[in-house]
Protein backbone atom coordinates (compact mmCIF):
# COMPACT_ATOMS: atom_id res chain seq x y z
CA MET A 1 -32.47 -92.33 -132.59
CA ILE A 2 -35.28 -94.53 -130.04
CA LYS A 3 -37.76 -92.39 -129.04
CA THR A 4 -39.94 -93.77 -126.72
CA LEU A 5 -43.93 -92.25 -125.72
CA LYS A 6 -45.59 -93.38 -122.78
CA LEU A 7 -48.45 -92.97 -121.79
CA ARG A 8 -50.48 -94.61 -118.30
CA GLY A 9 -48.68 -97.62 -118.98
CA VAL A 10 -48.69 -97.75 -122.97
CA LYS A 11 -45.19 -97.71 -124.57
CA ILE A 12 -45.75 -95.84 -127.93
CA MET A 13 -42.64 -96.36 -129.72
CA SER A 14 -40.92 -94.99 -133.33
CA LYS A 15 -37.41 -96.13 -134.44
CA THR A 16 -34.74 -93.90 -136.37
CA VAL A 17 -31.73 -95.08 -137.65
CA VAL A 18 -28.96 -91.66 -137.97
CA ARG A 19 -27.47 -92.65 -141.57
CA LYS A 20 -23.83 -92.59 -142.07
CA ASN A 21 -22.47 -88.73 -142.44
CA GLU A 22 -26.78 -87.76 -142.22
CA SER A 23 -27.18 -84.40 -139.48
CA LEU A 24 -28.93 -84.85 -136.23
CA ASP A 25 -31.43 -82.24 -137.84
CA ASP A 26 -31.79 -84.39 -140.93
CA ALA A 27 -32.46 -87.38 -138.49
CA LEU A 28 -34.95 -85.56 -136.10
CA ARG A 29 -36.96 -84.20 -139.76
CA ARG A 30 -37.81 -87.89 -140.80
CA PHE A 31 -38.58 -89.38 -137.07
CA LYS A 32 -41.42 -86.77 -136.74
CA ARG A 33 -42.42 -87.35 -140.10
CA ALA A 34 -42.70 -91.03 -139.52
CA VAL A 35 -44.48 -90.90 -136.15
CA THR A 36 -46.77 -87.91 -137.73
CA LYS A 37 -47.08 -90.61 -140.74
CA ALA A 38 -48.13 -93.69 -138.21
CA GLY A 39 -50.82 -90.99 -136.17
CA THR A 40 -48.71 -91.98 -132.86
CA LEU A 41 -49.69 -88.42 -131.70
CA GLN A 42 -53.03 -87.74 -132.72
CA GLU A 43 -54.08 -91.27 -131.28
CA THR A 44 -52.28 -90.49 -128.31
CA ARG A 45 -53.75 -87.19 -127.52
CA LYS A 46 -57.52 -88.84 -128.43
CA ARG A 47 -57.10 -91.18 -125.53
CA GLU A 48 -55.23 -89.30 -123.06
CA PHE A 49 -58.66 -88.94 -121.03
CA TYR A 50 -61.75 -91.24 -121.32
CA GLU A 51 -64.52 -90.56 -124.18
CA LYS A 52 -67.93 -91.33 -123.49
CA PRO A 53 -69.12 -93.63 -125.80
CA SER A 54 -72.30 -90.50 -125.59
CA VAL A 55 -70.40 -87.86 -126.40
CA LYS A 56 -68.07 -90.25 -128.86
CA ARG A 57 -71.22 -90.97 -130.94
CA LYS A 58 -72.02 -87.54 -131.43
CA ARG A 59 -68.04 -85.94 -131.98
CA LYS A 60 -68.36 -88.91 -135.29
CA SER A 61 -72.15 -87.93 -136.23
CA GLU A 62 -71.06 -84.10 -136.12
CA ALA A 63 -67.38 -85.06 -138.19
CA ALA A 64 -69.91 -87.05 -140.43
CA ARG A 65 -72.30 -84.23 -140.68
CA LYS A 66 -69.04 -81.31 -141.99
CA ARG A 67 -67.55 -84.14 -144.43
CA LYS A 68 -70.74 -84.30 -146.31
CA LYS A 69 -71.66 -81.11 -146.09
CA PHE A 70 -68.42 -79.70 -147.98
């Protein structure tokens, strides 16, 4: 099973080969785990729209503040 995700000209590819005697559900579960582990969907959502540098700095500083708080 090969899944290609195309976003604004950028192709992100994850590959999962279905094993012998493996159900499609198990293969799909392995694929989803691989995509999650690679951070593909998070990266895609993050890059979906342009984020101004000032907004990036603000988001980064708020995240650091949250980490420091706990």
